[in-house]
């Protein structure tokens, strides 16, 4: 039935089934009119004309909201110029190109790589050939549910990119002002809590191993110790220069959330002071942790696997869990989520809340304190009634 020319009726349009590729049913009565059927099941009315020698397709509406008779009348009116010209239909693939030029190019290299990966592997295969004004909520939900079955977090991220693209298209006048974004309001997949944090005993064992290795000149061990004491990310510590190590803080020129300062506690200050004393070129623009010709991250990861085994830590523990441990122990020590959020450099406090997995003994201690507080408020009079009265002494000696 692909690109068949026939006398269109509502019945024929209703029976048109989606195929693996989109196709068009051309109307014999109104030669410029066609019904385009997409693999998603969406059916749209289009008017085909030529402008400056090039074919142009304009969308009139969707079937069955607009029947055959109404579509023919709309096509005649459109070609006669009796109504405001419709916006030229922009495909999602064309929108992707515009969006990368006008927005995504401002991203950092790592963010741009992730953005392009989601667009190339997920969004373009599903929506690439669709005019953006024909993407329905049903199309988005269907795609999101399929993707979410294999990668819930990836589906959430890709949905955010799709929503941002369509919002930008409306702002750039590619969509009508009253258009409703079909990617907005879809319930995101619940993110499974990943990662863990070290107990106090595990922290002590790890600290002992790292200190010993760092003292004998292992820069990777120094990196791991700095991560544990500051809560920074690996890339932030690896790019750190001595001129950015201030007396009370680290000045990060470029972190995941932009330039920021990281306050240092006594332990962190002592570590950097001691580490500087042991380095021969610890000044100016030299990097704090130097690895010669080795790839820094790969060297750190190799040492981490060895340190993890020597300290008898879980085999699933990741380097990033050192940052997780910093945040979790800060929260267990009574620091607020807002304070920890500032220390970690999070833009949203909701991100910090994912680190607040408290140890069972901390929860039990909190429950015990709350229970005793309530007990003291509820039962003070009952306790007093049950306490034996102390006999009072009366005057007079023994007979």
Protein backbone atom coordinates (compact mmCIF):
# COMPACT_ATOMS: atom_id res chain seq x y z
CA UNK A 1 0.00 0.00 0.00
CA UNK A 2 3.07 2.28 0.18
CA UNK A 3 2.54 5.63 -1.64
CA UNK A 4 -0.71 4.35 -3.19
CA UNK A 5 -2.88 6.81 -5.07
CA UNK A 6 -6.58 6.22 -4.43
CA UNK A 7 -9.88 7.91 -3.74
CA UNK A 8 -9.49 8.39 0.00
CA UNK A 9 -12.39 7.76 2.38
CA UNK A 10 -12.58 7.72 6.17
CA UNK A 11 -12.91 3.93 6.05
CA UNK A 12 -9.75 3.52 3.96
CA UNK A 13 -7.84 5.84 6.27
CA UNK A 14 -9.03 3.93 9.33
CA UNK A 15 -7.92 0.60 7.88
CA UNK A 16 -4.43 1.88 7.01
CA UNK A 17 -2.03 -0.02 9.26
CA UNK A 18 1.49 1.14 10.25
CA UNK A 19 4.39 -0.72 8.69
CA UNK A 20 8.10 -0.97 9.37
CA UNK A 21 8.58 2.24 7.35
CA UNK A 22 6.32 5.24 6.90
CA UNK A 23 4.28 5.53 3.72
CA UNK A 24 1.76 7.89 2.15
CA UNK A 25 -1.76 7.44 0.74
CA UNK A 26 -2.29 10.05 -2.00
CA UNK A 27 -5.77 11.35 -2.71
CA UNK A 28 -7.02 11.10 -6.33
CA UNK A 29 -9.63 13.80 -5.84
CA UNK A 30 -7.25 16.38 -4.33
CA UNK A 31 -3.90 15.68 -5.94
CA UNK A 32 -1.82 17.72 -3.48
CA UNK A 33 -3.27 15.95 -0.42
CA UNK A 34 -1.88 12.81 1.17
CA UNK A 35 -2.20 10.87 4.41
CA UNK A 36 1.18 9.90 5.86
CA UNK A 37 1.18 6.79 8.06
CA UNK A 38 4.16 6.34 10.39
CA UNK A 39 5.47 3.19 12.13
CA UNK A 40 4.24 4.61 15.44
CA UNK A 41 0.65 4.57 14.12
CA UNK A 42 0.38 8.36 13.80
CA UNK A 43 -1.53 9.50 10.69
CA UNK A 44 -1.09 13.07 9.46
CA UNK A 45 -2.58 15.05 6.60
CA UNK A 46 -0.01 16.78 4.39
CA UNK A 47 -0.14 19.21 1.50
CA UNK A 48 2.62 18.82 -1.09
CA UNK A 49 3.71 21.82 -3.18
CA UNK A 50 6.86 23.29 -4.70
CA UNK A 51 8.67 26.41 -3.58
CA UNK A 52 11.61 27.78 -5.57
CA UNK A 53 11.73 24.49 -7.43
CA UNK A 54 11.99 22.42 -4.23
CA UNK A 55 9.28 20.13 -2.82
CA UNK A 56 7.74 21.33 0.42
CA UNK A 57 5.39 19.41 2.70
CA UNK A 58 3.10 21.22 5.14
CA UNK A 59 1.06 19.51 7.85
CA UNK A 60 -2.67 20.25 8.09
CA UNK A 61 -3.70 18.01 10.98
CA UNK A 62 -4.04 14.42 12.12
CA UNK A 63 -6.50 11.64 11.36
CA UNK A 64 -9.10 10.85 12.72
CA UNK A 65 -9.34 14.28 14.41
CA UNK A 66 -9.58 15.68 10.87
CA UNK A 67 -11.61 13.54 8.46
CA UNK A 68 -11.14 13.23 4.70
CA UNK A 69 -13.74 15.87 3.80
CA UNK A 70 -12.29 18.41 6.24
CA UNK A 71 -8.75 17.66 5.03
CA UNK A 72 -9.71 18.34 1.40
CA UNK A 73 -11.33 21.66 2.34
CA UNK A 74 -8.27 22.63 4.42
CA UNK A 75 -5.95 21.74 1.52
CA UNK A 76 -7.92 23.91 -0.95
CA UNK A 77 -7.98 26.83 1.50
CA UNK A 78 -4.28 26.47 2.21
CA UNK A 79 -3.29 26.46 -1.46
CA UNK A 80 -5.64 29.38 -2.21
CA UNK A 81 -3.99 31.43 0.54
CA UNK A 82 -7.30 31.96 2.36
CA UNK A 83 -5.68 31.20 5.68
CA UNK A 84 -2.39 31.97 7.37
CA UNK A 85 0.36 29.79 5.89
CA UNK A 86 1.22 26.88 8.11
CA UNK A 87 4.69 26.47 9.51
CA UNK A 88 6.93 24.38 7.35
CA UNK A 89 7.13 20.93 8.85
CA UNK A 90 10.52 20.37 10.55
CA UNK A 91 11.65 16.81 11.10
CA UNK A 92 13.14 15.71 14.39
CA UNK A 93 16.44 15.01 12.63
CA UNK A 94 16.57 18.63 11.45
CA UNK A 95 15.74 19.82 14.97
CA UNK A 96 18.62 17.73 16.37
CA UNK A 97 21.08 19.48 14.07
CA UNK A 98 19.77 22.92 15.07
CA UNK A 99 19.72 22.05 18.77
CA UNK A 100 23.33 20.90 18.79
CA UNK A 101 24.46 24.06 17.05
CA UNK A 102 22.51 26.43 19.28
CA UNK A 103 22.62 24.66 22.62
CA UNK A 104 24.61 21.45 22.96
CA UNK A 105 27.83 23.01 21.65
CA UNK A 106 28.01 24.92 24.96
CA UNK A 107 28.36 21.68 26.91
CA UNK A 108 31.64 20.40 28.27
CA UNK A 109 33.37 17.72 26.18
CA UNK A 110 32.21 14.86 28.44
CA UNK A 111 28.65 16.20 28.52
CA UNK A 112 28.64 16.69 24.75
CA UNK A 113 29.77 13.09 24.21
CA UNK A 114 26.95 11.80 26.42
CA UNK A 115 24.43 14.08 24.70
CA UNK A 116 25.42 12.91 21.21
CA UNK A 117 25.30 9.28 22.35
CA UNK A 118 21.70 9.56 23.57
CA UNK A 119 20.63 11.40 20.41
CA UNK A 120 22.36 9.01 18.00
CA UNK A 121 21.48 5.71 19.70
CA UNK A 122 18.04 6.42 21.17
CA UNK A 123 16.25 9.51 19.90
CA UNK A 124 17.06 9.54 16.18
CA UNK A 125 16.12 5.87 15.57
CA UNK A 126 12.72 6.48 17.17
CA UNK A 127 11.80 10.01 16.02
CA UNK A 128 14.32 10.99 13.33
CA UNK A 129 12.00 11.11 10.31
CA UNK A 130 8.92 12.42 12.19
CA UNK A 131 7.87 16.06 11.80
CA UNK A 132 8.14 17.45 15.31
CA UNK A 133 4.54 18.65 15.38
CA UNK A 134 3.31 15.08 14.85
CA UNK A 135 5.13 13.51 17.81
CA UNK A 136 2.40 12.52 20.23
CA UNK A 137 2.43 11.66 23.91
CA UNK A 138 1.62 8.08 22.99
CA UNK A 139 4.75 7.93 20.81
CA UNK A 140 6.94 9.29 23.63
CA UNK A 141 5.47 7.05 26.33
CA UNK A 142 5.82 3.96 24.15
CA UNK A 143 9.48 4.74 23.42
CA UNK A 144 10.21 5.65 27.05
CA UNK A 145 8.73 2.43 28.42
CA UNK A 146 10.69 0.26 25.96
CA UNK A 147 13.96 2.00 26.74
CA UNK A 148 13.24 2.03 30.49
CA UNK A 149 12.98 -1.76 30.58
CA UNK A 150 16.69 -2.08 29.80
CA UNK A 151 18.08 1.19 31.18
CA UNK A 152 15.83 3.14 33.59
CA UNK A 153 18.40 5.84 34.28
CA UNK A 154 19.32 6.21 30.62
CA UNK A 155 15.65 6.55 29.69
CA UNK A 156 15.25 9.35 32.24
CA UNK A 157 18.25 11.20 30.84
CA UNK A 158 17.16 10.78 27.20
CA UNK A 159 13.62 11.94 28.05
CA UNK A 160 15.05 15.12 29.54
CA UNK A 161 17.02 15.78 26.35
CA UNK A 162 13.93 15.15 24.20
CA UNK A 163 11.81 17.49 26.32
CA UNK A 164 14.45 20.22 26.15
CA UNK A 165 14.68 19.86 22.37
CA UNK A 166 10.93 20.21 21.85
CA UNK A 167 10.71 23.17 24.24
CA UNK A 168 13.52 24.87 22.31
CA UNK A 169 11.71 24.20 19.02
CA UNK A 170 8.65 26.01 20.32
CA UNK A 171 10.81 28.91 21.52
CA UNK A 172 12.43 29.08 18.07
CA UNK A 173 8.97 29.35 16.46
CA UNK A 174 9.11 25.89 14.88
CA UNK A 175 5.93 24.97 16.74
CA UNK A 176 2.74 26.95 17.47
CA UNK A 177 2.53 28.85 20.79
CA UNK A 178 -0.41 26.75 22.01
CA UNK A 179 1.40 23.45 21.32
CA UNK A 180 1.77 21.11 24.29
CA UNK A 181 5.09 19.32 24.83
CA UNK A 182 4.32 15.55 24.83
CA UNK A 183 7.49 14.78 26.84
CA UNK A 184 6.48 16.91 29.82
CA UNK A 185 4.78 15.29 32.82
CA UNK A 186 5.82 11.70 32.13
CA UNK A 187 6.67 9.95 35.37
CA UNK A 188 10.37 9.14 35.52
CA UNK A 189 11.73 5.73 36.39
CA UNK A 190 12.76 5.28 40.00
CA UNK A 191 16.52 5.35 40.29
CA UNK A 192 17.96 2.34 42.02
CA UNK A 193 20.32 3.41 44.77
CA UNK A 194 23.82 2.43 43.75
CA UNK A 195 27.05 2.60 45.58
CA UNK A 196 27.85 2.17 49.24
CA UNK A 197 29.88 3.82 51.96
CA UNK A 198 32.65 2.60 54.18
CA UNK A 199 32.14 1.79 57.84
CA UNK A 200 34.46 3.35 60.43
CA UNK A 201 36.49 0.15 60.64
CA UNK A 202 36.83 -0.03 56.86
CA UNK A 203 37.83 3.65 56.75
CA UNK A 204 40.55 2.98 59.32
CA UNK A 205 41.98 0.04 57.35
CA UNK A 206 41.87 1.96 54.07
CA UNK A 207 43.48 5.04 55.63
CA UNK A 208 46.33 2.95 57.04
CA UNK A 209 47.09 1.36 53.66
CA UNK A 210 46.89 4.67 51.77
CA UNK A 211 49.12 6.50 54.24
CA UNK A 212 51.78 3.81 54.03
CA UNK A 213 51.79 3.83 50.22
CA UNK A 214 51.67 7.61 49.99
CA UNK A 215 54.67 7.92 52.33
CA UNK A 216 56.79 5.81 49.99
CA UNK A 217 56.00 8.07 47.03
CA UNK A 218 52.96 6.49 45.32
CA UNK A 219 51.04 9.38 43.69
CA UNK A 220 47.96 7.20 43.02
CA UNK A 221 47.67 6.46 46.76
CA UNK A 222 47.89 10.21 47.37
CA UNK A 223 45.02 10.77 44.94
CA UNK A 224 42.87 8.20 46.75
CA UNK A 225 43.66 9.74 50.13
CA UNK A 226 42.77 13.21 48.84
CA UNK A 227 39.45 11.87 47.51
CA UNK A 228 38.62 10.37 50.89
CA UNK A 229 39.46 13.59 52.79
CA UNK A 230 37.80 16.12 50.48
CA UNK A 231 34.88 14.34 48.77
CA UNK A 232 36.07 15.60 45.38
CA UNK A 233 35.67 13.76 42.09
CA UNK A 234 38.62 11.92 40.54
CA UNK A 235 38.97 14.33 37.63
CA UNK A 236 38.96 17.32 39.98
CA UNK A 237 41.86 15.95 42.04
CA UNK A 238 43.87 14.77 39.01
CA UNK A 239 43.73 18.26 37.43
CA UNK A 240 44.63 20.05 40.69
CA UNK A 241 47.72 22.31 40.58
CA UNK A 242 49.76 23.50 43.54
CA UNK A 243 48.82 27.12 42.91
CA UNK A 244 45.20 26.08 43.54
CA UNK A 245 45.96 24.54 46.94
CA UNK A 246 45.21 27.44 49.29
CA UNK A 247 45.79 27.41 53.06
CA UNK A 248 42.18 26.56 53.87
CA UNK A 249 40.62 25.46 50.58
CA UNK A 250 41.10 23.93 47.16
CA UNK A 251 40.30 26.14 44.18
CA UNK A 252 38.82 24.00 41.41
CA UNK A 253 39.06 25.84 38.12
CA UNK A 254 36.70 23.52 36.28
CA UNK A 255 34.52 20.93 38.00
CA UNK A 256 31.39 19.14 36.80
CA UNK A 257 29.27 22.09 37.99
CA UNK A 258 31.77 24.81 37.13
CA UNK A 259 34.55 26.54 39.06
CA UNK A 260 34.21 26.31 42.85
CA UNK A 261 36.13 26.32 46.10
CA UNK A 262 36.32 23.25 48.36
CA UNK A 263 36.90 24.06 52.06
CA UNK A 264 39.45 21.78 53.73
CA UNK A 265 39.39 20.45 57.26
CA UNK A 266 42.44 19.93 59.45
CA UNK A 267 43.09 16.40 58.16
CA UNK A 268 43.00 17.52 54.52
CA UNK A 269 45.27 20.50 55.20
CA UNK A 270 47.79 18.30 56.98
CA UNK A 271 47.74 15.82 54.10
CA UNK A 272 48.52 18.43 51.42
CA UNK A 273 51.18 20.09 53.61
CA UNK A 274 52.89 16.75 54.19
CA UNK A 275 52.55 15.72 50.54
CA UNK A 276 54.05 19.01 49.33
CA UNK A 277 57.01 18.55 51.68
CA UNK A 278 57.79 15.19 50.07
CA UNK A 279 57.63 16.47 46.46
CA UNK A 280 60.61 18.10 44.78
CA UNK A 281 58.60 20.22 42.30
CA UNK A 282 55.70 21.15 44.52
CA UNK A 283 55.15 24.73 43.44
CA UNK A 284 53.58 26.98 40.82
CA UNK A 285 51.76 25.50 37.88
CA UNK A 286 52.91 21.93 38.43
CA UNK A 287 50.15 19.42 39.03
CA UNK A 288 49.90 18.11 42.57
CA UNK A 289 49.84 14.47 41.49
CA UNK A 290 52.27 13.64 38.68
CA UNK A 291 52.44 10.27 36.95
CA UNK A 292 55.18 10.70 34.36
CA UNK A 293 54.20 9.00 31.12
CA UNK A 294 51.42 6.88 32.61
CA UNK A 295 47.74 7.62 32.02
CA UNK A 296 46.70 9.11 35.41
CA UNK A 297 43.25 7.58 35.78
CA UNK A 298 44.35 4.11 34.66
CA UNK A 299 47.24 4.21 37.13
CA UNK A 300 44.92 5.29 39.96
CA UNK A 301 42.47 2.53 39.09
CA UNK A 302 45.22 -0.13 39.09
CA UNK A 303 46.45 0.99 42.51
CA UNK A 304 42.87 1.13 43.78
CA UNK A 305 42.30 -2.53 42.97
CA UNK A 306 45.43 -3.44 44.91
CA UNK A 307 44.62 -1.17 47.87
CA UNK A 308 41.05 -2.45 48.04
CA UNK A 309 42.29 -6.02 48.33
CA UNK A 310 44.97 -5.17 50.90
CA UNK A 311 42.50 -3.29 53.10
CA UNK A 312 40.00 -6.21 52.90
CA UNK A 313 37.26 -4.06 51.37
CA UNK A 314 34.26 -5.34 49.34
CA UNK A 315 35.13 -6.24 45.76
CA UNK A 316 32.24 -4.11 44.47
CA UNK A 317 33.54 -0.91 46.08
CA UNK A 318 34.26 1.78 43.47
CA UNK A 319 36.60 4.76 43.58
CA UNK A 320 33.55 7.04 43.44
CA UNK A 321 32.31 5.41 46.66
CA UNK A 322 35.02 7.36 48.50
CA UNK A 323 33.02 10.50 47.66
CA UNK A 324 29.88 8.67 48.72
CA UNK A 325 31.54 7.77 52.05
CA UNK A 326 32.57 11.40 52.63
CA UNK A 327 28.96 12.54 52.18
CA UNK A 328 27.38 9.75 54.21
CA UNK A 329 29.69 10.17 57.20
CA UNK A 330 29.14 13.93 57.15
CA UNK A 331 25.37 13.38 57.32
CA UNK A 332 25.74 10.77 60.08
CA UNK A 333 27.85 13.28 62.01
CA UNK A 334 24.87 15.64 62.03
CA UNK A 335 25.68 17.92 59.09
CA UNK A 336 22.66 19.19 57.15
CA UNK A 337 21.95 18.19 53.56
CA UNK A 338 22.46 21.82 52.54
CA UNK A 339 25.96 21.90 54.06
CA UNK A 340 26.96 18.59 52.47
CA UNK A 341 25.50 19.75 49.16
CA UNK A 342 27.77 22.81 49.22
CA UNK A 343 30.82 20.69 50.11
CA UNK A 344 30.18 18.30 47.24
CA UNK A 345 29.39 21.05 44.74
CA UNK A 346 25.88 19.84 43.90
CA UNK A 347 23.55 22.28 42.17
CA UNK A 348 20.44 20.58 43.58
CA UNK A 349 19.97 19.36 47.12
CA UNK A 350 17.96 16.41 45.74
CA UNK A 351 21.21 15.06 44.33
CA UNK A 352 22.80 15.14 47.78
CA UNK A 353 19.82 13.32 49.31
CA UNK A 354 20.80 10.19 47.37
CA UNK A 355 23.94 9.96 49.52
CA UNK A 356 22.04 9.96 52.81
CA UNK A 357 22.00 6.19 53.37
CA UNK A 358 22.66 5.90 57.08
CA UNK A 359 24.13 2.87 58.82
CA UNK A 360 21.76 0.64 60.78
CA UNK A 361 23.43 1.38 64.11
CA UNK A 362 22.99 5.11 63.53
CA UNK A 363 19.29 4.61 62.81
CA UNK A 364 18.85 2.44 65.90
CA UNK A 365 20.57 5.05 68.06
CA UNK A 366 18.29 7.75 66.68
CA UNK A 367 15.20 5.58 67.30
CA UNK A 368 16.38 4.96 70.87
CA UNK A 369 16.83 8.67 71.61
CA UNK A 370 13.45 9.57 70.12
CA UNK A 371 11.72 6.76 72.03
CA UNK A 372 13.19 7.80 75.35
CA UNK A 373 12.27 11.42 74.72
CA UNK A 374 8.64 10.47 74.06
CA UNK A 375 8.60 8.14 77.08
CA UNK A 376 9.79 10.94 79.35
CA UNK A 377 6.97 13.17 78.09
CA UNK A 378 4.17 10.58 78.24
CA UNK A 379 4.85 8.73 81.52
CA UNK A 380 6.35 11.12 84.10
CA UNK A 381 3.21 11.16 86.30
CA UNK A 382 2.88 7.36 86.11
CA UNK A 383 6.44 6.93 87.29
CA UNK A 384 5.92 9.27 90.22
CA UNK A 385 2.85 7.36 91.40
CA UNK A 386 4.72 4.07 91.36
CA UNK A 387 7.75 5.37 93.25
CA UNK A 388 7.62 4.33 96.98
CA UNK A 389 7.20 7.17 99.38
CA UNK A 390 10.06 7.79 101.77
CA UNK A 391 8.84 7.88 105.44
CA UNK A 392 9.47 11.19 107.12
CA UNK A 393 11.30 11.31 110.42
CA UNK A 394 9.39 12.62 113.43
CA UNK A 395 10.80 14.21 116.53
CA UNK A 396 11.36 12.20 119.77
CA UNK A 397 13.87 9.59 120.76
CA UNK A 398 13.47 5.84 121.06
CA UNK A 399 11.60 4.49 123.96
